Each structure stands twice: as C-alpha cells, then as structure tokens.
PDB file of N, CA and C in Angstrom:
ATOM      1  N   ASP A   1       0.825  -1.193   0.000  1.00  0.00           N
ATOM      2  CA  ASP A   1       0.000   0.000   0.000  1.00  0.00           C
ATOM      3  C   ASP A   1       0.870   1.258   0.000  1.00  0.00           C
ATOM      4  N   ARG A   2       1.944   1.225   0.768  1.00  0.00           N
ATOM      5  CA  ARG A   2       2.838   2.389   0.829  1.00  0.00           C
ATOM      6  C   ARG A   2       3.510   2.644  -0.518  1.00  0.00           C
ATOM      7  N   ILE A   3       3.939   1.566  -1.169  1.00  0.00           N
ATOM      8  CA  ILE A   3       4.599   1.708  -2.466  1.00  0.00           C
ATOM      9  C   ILE A   3       3.623   2.300  -3.473  1.00  0.00           C
ATOM     10  N   ALA A   4       2.397   1.831  -3.469  1.00  0.00           N
ATOM     11  CA  ALA A   4       1.384   2.359  -4.385  1.00  0.00           C
ATOM     12  C   ALA A   4       1.143   3.842  -4.117  1.00  0.00           C
ATOM     13  N   LEU A   5       1.133   4.221  -2.856  1.00  0.00           N
ATOM     14  CA  LEU A   5       0.944   5.622  -2.487  1.00  0.00           C
ATOM     15  C   LEU A   5       2.104   6.482  -2.970  1.00  0.00           C
ATOM     16  N   ILE A   6       3.322   5.981  -2.802  1.00  0.00           N
ATOM     17  CA  ILE A   6       4.507   6.714  -3.261  1.00  0.00           C
ATOM     18  C   ILE A   6       4.490   6.846  -4.776  1.00  0.00           C
ATOM     19  N   GLU A   7       4.182   5.752  -5.473  1.00  0.00           N
ATOM     20  CA  GLU A   7       4.125   5.807  -6.937  1.00  0.00           C
ATOM     21  C   GLU A   7       3.068   6.796  -7.411  1.00  0.00           C
ATOM     22  N   GLU A   8       1.934   6.818  -6.744  1.00  0.00           N
ATOM     23  CA  GLU A   8       0.866   7.743  -7.120  1.00  0.00           C
ATOM     24  C   GLU A   8       1.304   9.188  -6.927  1.00  0.00           C
ATOM     25  N   SER A   9       1.969   9.482  -5.820  1.00  0.00           N
ATOM     26  CA  SER A   9       2.427  10.855  -5.594  1.00  0.00           C
ATOM     27  C   SER A   9       3.524  11.258  -6.569  1.00  0.00           C
ATOM     28  N   LEU A  10       4.397  10.317  -6.962  1.00  0.00           N
ATOM     29  CA  LEU A  10       5.413  10.630  -7.965  1.00  0.00           C
ATOM     30  C   LEU A  10       4.769  10.912  -9.316  1.00  0.00           C
ATOM     31  N   LEU A  11       3.753  10.146  -9.676  1.00  0.00           N
ATOM     32  CA  LEU A  11       3.046  10.387 -10.934  1.00  0.00           C
ATOM     33  C   LEU A  11       2.359  11.747 -10.925  1.00  0.00           C
ATOM     34  N   GLN A  12       1.830  12.143  -9.790  1.00  0.00           N
ATOM     35  CA  GLN A  12       1.209  13.463  -9.688  1.00  0.00           C
ATOM     36  C   GLN A  12       2.249  14.559  -9.855  1.00  0.00           C
ATOM     37  N   LEU A  13       3.432  14.366  -9.285  1.00  0.00           N
ATOM     38  CA  LEU A  13       4.505  15.335  -9.454  1.00  0.00           C
ATOM     39  C   LEU A  13       4.916  15.456 -10.913  1.00  0.00           C
ATOM     40  N   PHE A  14       4.989  14.321 -11.606  1.00  0.00           N
ATOM     41  CA  PHE A  14       5.334  14.334 -13.028  1.00  0.00           C
ATOM     42  C   PHE A  14       4.330  15.152 -13.820  1.00  0.00           C
ATOM     43  N   SER A  15       3.061  14.976 -13.525  1.00  0.00           N
ATOM     44  CA  SER A  15       2.025  15.641 -14.311  1.00  0.00           C
ATOM     45  C   SER A  15       1.900  17.123 -13.980  1.00  0.00           C
ATOM     46  N   MET A  16       2.366  17.539 -12.824  1.00  0.00           N
ATOM     47  CA  MET A  16       2.212  18.932 -12.405  1.00  0.00           C
ATOM     48  C   MET A  16       3.192  19.882 -13.077  1.00  0.00           C
ATOM     49  N   ARG A  17       4.369  19.409 -13.418  1.00  0.00           N
ATOM     50  CA  ARG A  17       5.346  20.310 -14.014  1.00  0.00           C
ATOM     51  C   ARG A  17       6.088  19.591 -15.130  1.00  0.00           C
ATOM     52  N   PRO A  18       6.483  20.375 -16.121  1.00  0.00           N
ATOM     53  CA  PRO A  18       7.204  19.741 -17.229  1.00  0.00           C
ATOM     54  C   PRO A  18       8.584  19.267 -16.794  1.00  0.00           C
ATOM     55  N   ILE A  19       9.002  18.142 -17.329  1.00  0.00           N
ATOM     56  CA  ILE A  19      10.312  17.592 -17.011  1.00  0.00           C
ATOM     57  C   ILE A  19      11.275  17.986 -18.109  1.00  0.00           C
ATOM     58  N   ARG A  20      12.328  18.679 -17.723  1.00  0.00           N
ATOM     59  CA  ARG A  20      13.291  19.154 -18.714  1.00  0.00           C
ATOM     60  C   ARG A  20      14.200  18.038 -19.202  1.00  0.00           C
ATOM     61  N   ALA A  21      14.509  17.095 -18.348  1.00  0.00           N
ATOM     62  CA  ALA A  21      15.427  16.008 -18.705  1.00  0.00           C
ATOM     63  C   ALA A  21      14.653  14.709 -18.884  1.00  0.00           C
ATOM     64  N   GLY A  22      13.489  14.799 -19.508  1.00  0.00           N
ATOM     65  CA  GLY A  22      12.595  13.649 -19.634  1.00  0.00           C
ATOM     66  C   GLY A  22      13.227  12.454 -20.309  1.00  0.00           C
ATOM     67  N   GLY A  23      13.937  12.670 -21.422  1.00  0.00           N
ATOM     68  CA  GLY A  23      14.553  11.559 -22.136  1.00  0.00           C
ATOM     69  C   GLY A  23      15.591  10.840 -21.300  1.00  0.00           C
ATOM     70  N   LEU A  24      16.391  11.597 -20.600  1.00  0.00           N
ATOM     71  CA  LEU A  24      17.422  11.010 -19.736  1.00  0.00           C
ATOM     72  C   LEU A  24      16.780  10.215 -18.608  1.00  0.00           C
ATOM     73  N   LEU A  25      15.758  10.774 -17.984  1.00  0.00           N
ATOM     74  CA  LEU A  25      15.101  10.077 -16.876  1.00  0.00           C
ATOM     75  C   LEU A  25      14.393   8.817 -17.358  1.00  0.00           C
ATOM     76  N   GLU A  26      13.712   8.905 -18.484  1.00  0.00           N
ATOM     77  CA  GLU A  26      13.033   7.717 -19.014  1.00  0.00           C
ATOM     78  C   GLU A  26      14.024   6.609 -19.325  1.00  0.00           C
ATOM     79  N   THR A  27      15.113   6.966 -20.008  1.00  0.00           N
ATOM     80  CA  THR A  27      16.128   5.978 -20.355  1.00  0.00           C
ATOM     81  C   THR A  27      16.754   5.382 -19.099  1.00  0.00           C
ATOM     82  N   SER A  28      17.079   6.231 -18.150  1.00  0.00           N
ATOM     83  CA  SER A  28      17.686   5.766 -16.893  1.00  0.00           C
ATOM     84  C   SER A  28      16.757   4.811 -16.157  1.00  0.00           C
ATOM     85  N   MET A  29      15.492   5.186 -16.072  1.00  0.00           N
ATOM     86  CA  MET A  29      14.539   4.345 -15.359  1.00  0.00           C
ATOM     87  C   MET A  29      14.319   3.024 -16.083  1.00  0.00           C
ATOM     88  N   GLN A  30      14.356   3.025 -17.408  1.00  0.00           N
ATOM     89  CA  GLN A  30      14.235   1.773 -18.151  1.00  0.00           C
ATOM     90  C   GLN A  30      15.393   0.843 -17.821  1.00  0.00           C
ATOM     91  N   TYR A  31      16.622   1.387 -17.789  1.00  0.00           N
ATOM     92  CA  TYR A  31      17.784   0.564 -17.439  1.00  0.00           C
ATOM     93  C   TYR A  31      17.652   0.004 -16.026  1.00  0.00           C
ATOM     94  N   ILE A  32      17.213   0.839 -15.103  1.00  0.00           N
ATOM     95  CA  ILE A  32      17.087   0.399 -13.714  1.00  0.00           C
ATOM     96  C   ILE A  32      16.038  -0.711 -13.602  1.00  0.00           C
ATOM     97  N   TYR A  33      14.893  -0.530 -14.259  1.00  0.00           N
ATOM     98  CA  TYR A  33      13.841  -1.551 -14.206  1.00  0.00           C
ATOM     99  C   TYR A  33      14.261  -2.832 -14.903  1.00  0.00           C
ATOM    100  N   GLU A  34      14.984  -2.725 -16.024  1.00  0.00           N
ATOM    101  CA  GLU A  34      15.442  -3.919 -16.729  1.00  0.00           C
ATOM    102  C   GLU A  34      16.363  -4.759 -15.857  1.00  0.00           C
ATOM    103  N   CYS A  35      17.222  -4.089 -15.089  1.00  0.00           N
ATOM    104  CA  CYS A  35      18.154  -4.791 -14.210  1.00  0.00           C
ATOM    105  C   CYS A  35      17.535  -5.104 -12.855  1.00  0.00           C
ATOM    106  N   ARG A  36      16.282  -4.694 -12.668  1.00  0.00           N
ATOM    107  CA  ARG A  36      15.580  -4.873 -11.389  1.00  0.00           C
ATOM    108  C   ARG A  36      16.350  -4.268 -10.229  1.00  0.00           C
ATOM    109  N   GLY A  37      17.021  -3.165 -10.496  1.00  0.00           N
ATOM    110  CA  GLY A  37      17.723  -2.439  -9.454  1.00  0.00           C
ATOM    111  C   GLY A  37      19.083  -3.000  -9.091  1.00  0.00           C
ATOM    112  N   SER A  38      19.570  -3.968  -9.841  1.00  0.00           N
ATOM    113  CA  SER A  38      20.873  -4.562  -9.505  1.00  0.00           C
ATOM    114  C   SER A  38      21.985  -3.903 -10.320  1.00  0.00           C
ATOM    115  N   MET A  39      22.117  -2.588 -10.158  1.00  0.00           N
ATOM    116  CA  MET A  39      23.181  -1.861 -10.834  1.00  0.00           C
ATOM    117  C   MET A  39      23.638  -0.726  -9.927  1.00  0.00           C
ATOM    118  N   THR A  40      24.794  -0.214 -10.222  1.00  0.00           N
ATOM    119  CA  THR A  40      25.323   0.902  -9.445  1.00  0.00           C
ATOM    120  C   THR A  40      25.044   2.197 -10.187  1.00  0.00           C
ATOM    121  N   VAL A  41      25.162   3.297  -9.483  1.00  0.00           N
ATOM    122  CA  VAL A  41      24.980   4.600 -10.104  1.00  0.00           C
ATOM    123  C   VAL A  41      26.064   4.814 -11.162  1.00  0.00           C
ATOM    124  N   GLY A  42      27.257   4.317 -10.904  1.00  0.00           N
ATOM    125  CA  GLY A  42      28.358   4.438 -11.859  1.00  0.00           C
ATOM    126  C   GLY A  42      28.064   3.723 -13.166  1.00  0.00           C
ATOM    127  N   SER A  43      27.528   2.510 -13.081  1.00  0.00           N
ATOM    128  CA  SER A  43      27.214   1.777 -14.308  1.00  0.00           C
ATOM    129  C   SER A  43      26.044   2.428 -15.044  1.00  0.00           C
ATOM    130  N   LEU A  44      25.097   2.977 -14.316  1.00  0.00           N
ATOM    131  CA  LEU A  44      23.994   3.693 -14.940  1.00  0.00           C
ATOM    132  C   LEU A  44      24.515   4.938 -15.666  1.00  0.00           C
ATOM    133  N   ALA A  45      25.426   5.660 -15.023  1.00  0.00           N
ATOM    134  CA  ALA A  45      26.001   6.860 -15.630  1.00  0.00           C
ATOM    135  C   ALA A  45      26.737   6.518 -16.927  1.00  0.00           C
ATOM    136  N   GLU A  46      27.439   5.394 -16.940  1.00  0.00           N
ATOM    137  CA  GLU A  46      28.133   4.966 -18.156  1.00  0.00           C
ATOM    138  C   GLU A  46      27.139   4.652 -19.277  1.00  0.00           C
ATOM    139  N   LYS A  47      26.033   3.985 -18.920  1.00  0.00           N
ATOM    140  CA  LYS A  47      25.046   3.604 -19.936  1.00  0.00           C
ATOM    141  C   LYS A  47      24.384   4.817 -20.575  1.00  0.00           C
ATOM    142  N   VAL A  48      24.119   5.850 -19.792  1.00  0.00           N
ATOM    143  CA  VAL A  48      23.424   7.026 -20.327  1.00  0.00           C
ATOM    144  C   VAL A  48      24.389   8.135 -20.739  1.00  0.00           C
ATOM    145  N   ASN A  49      25.671   7.890 -20.603  1.00  0.00           N
ATOM    146  CA  ASN A  49      26.711   8.840 -21.021  1.00  0.00           C
ATOM    147  C   ASN A  49      26.670  10.166 -20.272  1.00  0.00           C
ATOM    148  N   TYR A  50      26.448  10.117 -18.984  1.00  0.00           N
ATOM    149  CA  TYR A  50      26.483  11.284 -18.115  1.00  0.00           C
ATOM    150  C   TYR A  50      27.412  10.974 -16.958  1.00  0.00           C
ATOM    151  N   SER A  51      27.925  12.014 -16.340  1.00  0.00           N
ATOM    152  CA  SER A  51      28.735  11.780 -15.148  1.00  0.00           C
ATOM    153  C   SER A  51      27.808  11.456 -13.978  1.00  0.00           C
ATOM    154  N   GLU A  52      28.354  10.775 -12.980  1.00  0.00           N
ATOM    155  CA  GLU A  52      27.550  10.432 -11.803  1.00  0.00           C
ATOM    156  C   GLU A  52      27.012  11.687 -11.138  1.00  0.00           C
ATOM    157  N   ARG A  53      27.844  12.705 -11.068  1.00  0.00           N
ATOM    158  CA  ARG A  53      27.448  13.954 -10.419  1.00  0.00           C
ATOM    159  C   ARG A  53      26.265  14.597 -11.143  1.00  0.00           C
ATOM    160  N   ASN A  54      26.331  14.682 -12.470  1.00  0.00           N
ATOM    161  CA  ASN A  54      25.219  15.266 -13.222  1.00  0.00           C
ATOM    162  C   ASN A  54      23.965  14.414 -13.108  1.00  0.00           C
ATOM    163  N   LEU A  55      24.138  13.113 -13.128  1.00  0.00           N
ATOM    164  CA  LEU A  55      23.002  12.213 -12.996  1.00  0.00           C
ATOM    165  C   LEU A  55      22.313  12.408 -11.640  1.00  0.00           C
ATOM    166  N   ARG A  56      23.108  12.480 -10.578  1.00  0.00           N
ATOM    167  CA  ARG A  56      22.538  12.717  -9.240  1.00  0.00           C
ATOM    168  C   ARG A  56      21.816  14.058  -9.186  1.00  0.00           C
ATOM    169  N   ARG A  57      22.404  15.083  -9.768  1.00  0.00           N
ATOM    170  CA  ARG A  57      21.814  16.423  -9.747  1.00  0.00           C
ATOM    171  C   ARG A  57      20.478  16.437 -10.498  1.00  0.00           C
ATOM    172  N   ILE A  58      20.449  15.830 -11.672  1.00  0.00           N
ATOM    173  CA  ILE A  58      19.230  15.813 -12.479  1.00  0.00           C
ATOM    174  C   ILE A  58      18.129  15.012 -11.783  1.00  0.00           C
ATOM    175  N   PHE A  59      18.470  13.848 -11.246  1.00  0.00           N
ATOM    176  CA  PHE A  59      17.475  13.047 -10.530  1.00  0.00           C
ATOM    177  C   PHE A  59      16.920  13.817  -9.338  1.00  0.00           C
ATOM    178  N   GLN A  60      17.794  14.448  -8.581  1.00  0.00           N
ATOM    179  CA  GLN A  60      17.355  15.183  -7.397  1.00  0.00           C
ATOM    180  C   GLN A  60      16.457  16.355  -7.785  1.00  0.00           C
ATOM    181  N   ASN A  61      16.831  17.088  -8.818  1.00  0.00           N
ATOM    182  CA  ASN A  61      16.032  18.243  -9.240  1.00  0.00           C
ATOM    183  C   ASN A  61      14.695  17.835  -9.833  1.00  0.00           C
ATOM    184  N   GLU A  62      14.672  16.788 -10.625  1.00  0.00           N
ATOM    185  CA  GLU A  62      13.461  16.418 -11.348  1.00  0.00           C
ATOM    186  C   GLU A  62      12.559  15.453 -10.583  1.00  0.00           C
ATOM    187  N   LEU A  63      13.142  14.508  -9.842  1.00  0.00           N
ATOM    188  CA  LEU A  63      12.350  13.496  -9.146  1.00  0.00           C
ATOM    189  C   LEU A  63      12.275  13.700  -7.640  1.00  0.00           C
ATOM    190  N   GLY A  64      13.259  14.397  -7.105  1.00  0.00           N
ATOM    191  CA  GLY A  64      13.289  14.580  -5.658  1.00  0.00           C
ATOM    192  C   GLY A  64      13.969  13.438  -4.918  1.00  0.00           C
ATOM    193  N   VAL A  65      14.511  12.474  -5.660  1.00  0.00           N
ATOM    194  CA  VAL A  65      15.271  11.366  -5.072  1.00  0.00           C
ATOM    195  C   VAL A  65      16.540  11.177  -5.893  1.00  0.00           C
ATOM    196  N   SER A  66      17.538  10.592  -5.273  1.00  0.00           N
ATOM    197  CA  SER A  66      18.782  10.328  -5.987  1.00  0.00           C
ATOM    198  C   SER A  66      18.630   9.037  -6.792  1.00  0.00           C
ATOM    199  N   PRO A  67      19.506   8.820  -7.770  1.00  0.00           N
ATOM    200  CA  PRO A  67      19.441   7.561  -8.511  1.00  0.00           C
ATOM    201  C   PRO A  67      19.630   6.349  -7.600  1.00  0.00           C
ATOM    202  N   LYS A  68      20.479   6.492  -6.590  1.00  0.00           N
ATOM    203  CA  LYS A  68      20.716   5.389  -5.658  1.00  0.00           C
ATOM    204  C   LYS A  68      19.439   5.056  -4.881  1.00  0.00           C
ATOM    205  N   GLU A  69      18.711   6.083  -4.458  1.00  0.00           N
ATOM    206  CA  GLU A  69      17.457   5.849  -3.750  1.00  0.00           C
ATOM    207  C   GLU A  69      16.431   5.166  -4.651  1.00  0.00           C
ATOM    208  N   LEU A  70      16.366   5.595  -5.909  1.00  0.00           N
ATOM    209  CA  LEU A  70      15.439   4.973  -6.838  1.00  0.00           C
ATOM    210  C   LEU A  70      15.812   3.516  -7.091  1.00  0.00           C
ATOM    211  N   ILE A  71      17.102   3.239  -7.219  1.00  0.00           N
ATOM    212  CA  ILE A  71      17.567   1.862  -7.394  1.00  0.00           C
ATOM    213  C   ILE A  71      17.155   1.009  -6.202  1.00  0.00           C
ATOM    214  N   ARG A  72      17.298   1.538  -5.008  1.00  0.00           N
ATOM    215  CA  ARG A  72      16.907   0.788  -3.797  1.00  0.00           C
ATOM    216  C   ARG A  72      15.407   0.548  -3.743  1.00  0.00           C
ATOM    217  N   ILE A  73      14.614   1.548  -4.166  1.00  0.00           N
ATOM    218  CA  ILE A  73      13.155   1.376  -4.182  1.00  0.00           C
ATOM    219  C   ILE A  73      12.764   0.267  -5.143  1.00  0.00           C
ATOM    220  N   ILE A  74      13.390   0.253  -6.316  1.00  0.00           N
ATOM    221  CA  ILE A  74      13.071  -0.766  -7.305  1.00  0.00           C
ATOM    222  C   ILE A  74      13.542  -2.140  -6.845  1.00  0.00           C
ATOM    223  N   GLN A  75      14.677  -2.208  -6.160  1.00  0.00           N
ATOM    224  CA  GLN A  75      15.131  -3.486  -5.602  1.00  0.00           C
ATOM    225  C   GLN A  75      14.118  -3.988  -4.589  1.00  0.00           C
ATOM    226  N   PHE A  76      13.596  -3.093  -3.778  1.00  0.00           N
ATOM    227  CA  PHE A  76      12.632  -3.457  -2.749  1.00  0.00           C
ATOM    228  C   PHE A  76      11.343  -3.986  -3.369  1.00  0.00           C
ATOM    229  N   GLN A  77      10.933  -3.376  -4.471  1.00  0.00           N
ATOM    230  CA  GLN A  77       9.699  -3.819  -5.129  1.00  0.00           C
ATOM    231  C   GLN A  77       9.862  -5.233  -5.618  1.00  0.00           C
TER     232      GLN A  77
END
C-alpha cells in the first residue's frame, strides 16, 4: 500500500510540471527496471553517457530522489 501511495504521488509530481530532462530520466529508469535495481549509479552513468554527479543532480532536481534511492526502491519492489 505504501509503495502504491509513493508511486501515485510521484506520478502526480510528473504531471504537475514539465520535465526538462525527460529523455534522460526515461532511459535511466528503463535501465534500472530492466536490471531490477541490480546496478550501481556508476554503471547507470556509463550507460546514459552522463557523469555520476550530473546524474545525481538531475534526478534530485526532477524526481526529488537520488538515482541510488530509486535503485533501492526498485530493488525493494
């Protein structure tokens, strides 16, 4: 129930404001889901051709969570 609530609130956040880095976030999330969260932020950064620092900054600004936190959430699911 908690996971569903969190997912619903994230979807509401997505719909409320435009995402500037939408392509990067979509691609990143696809990689994370494909691996079921069994990847590091470093390997994700290599796959999307961004530095870890930029990836963390973009995730934090656009989603409100770091890539590492998102990876852990997906592992938990």
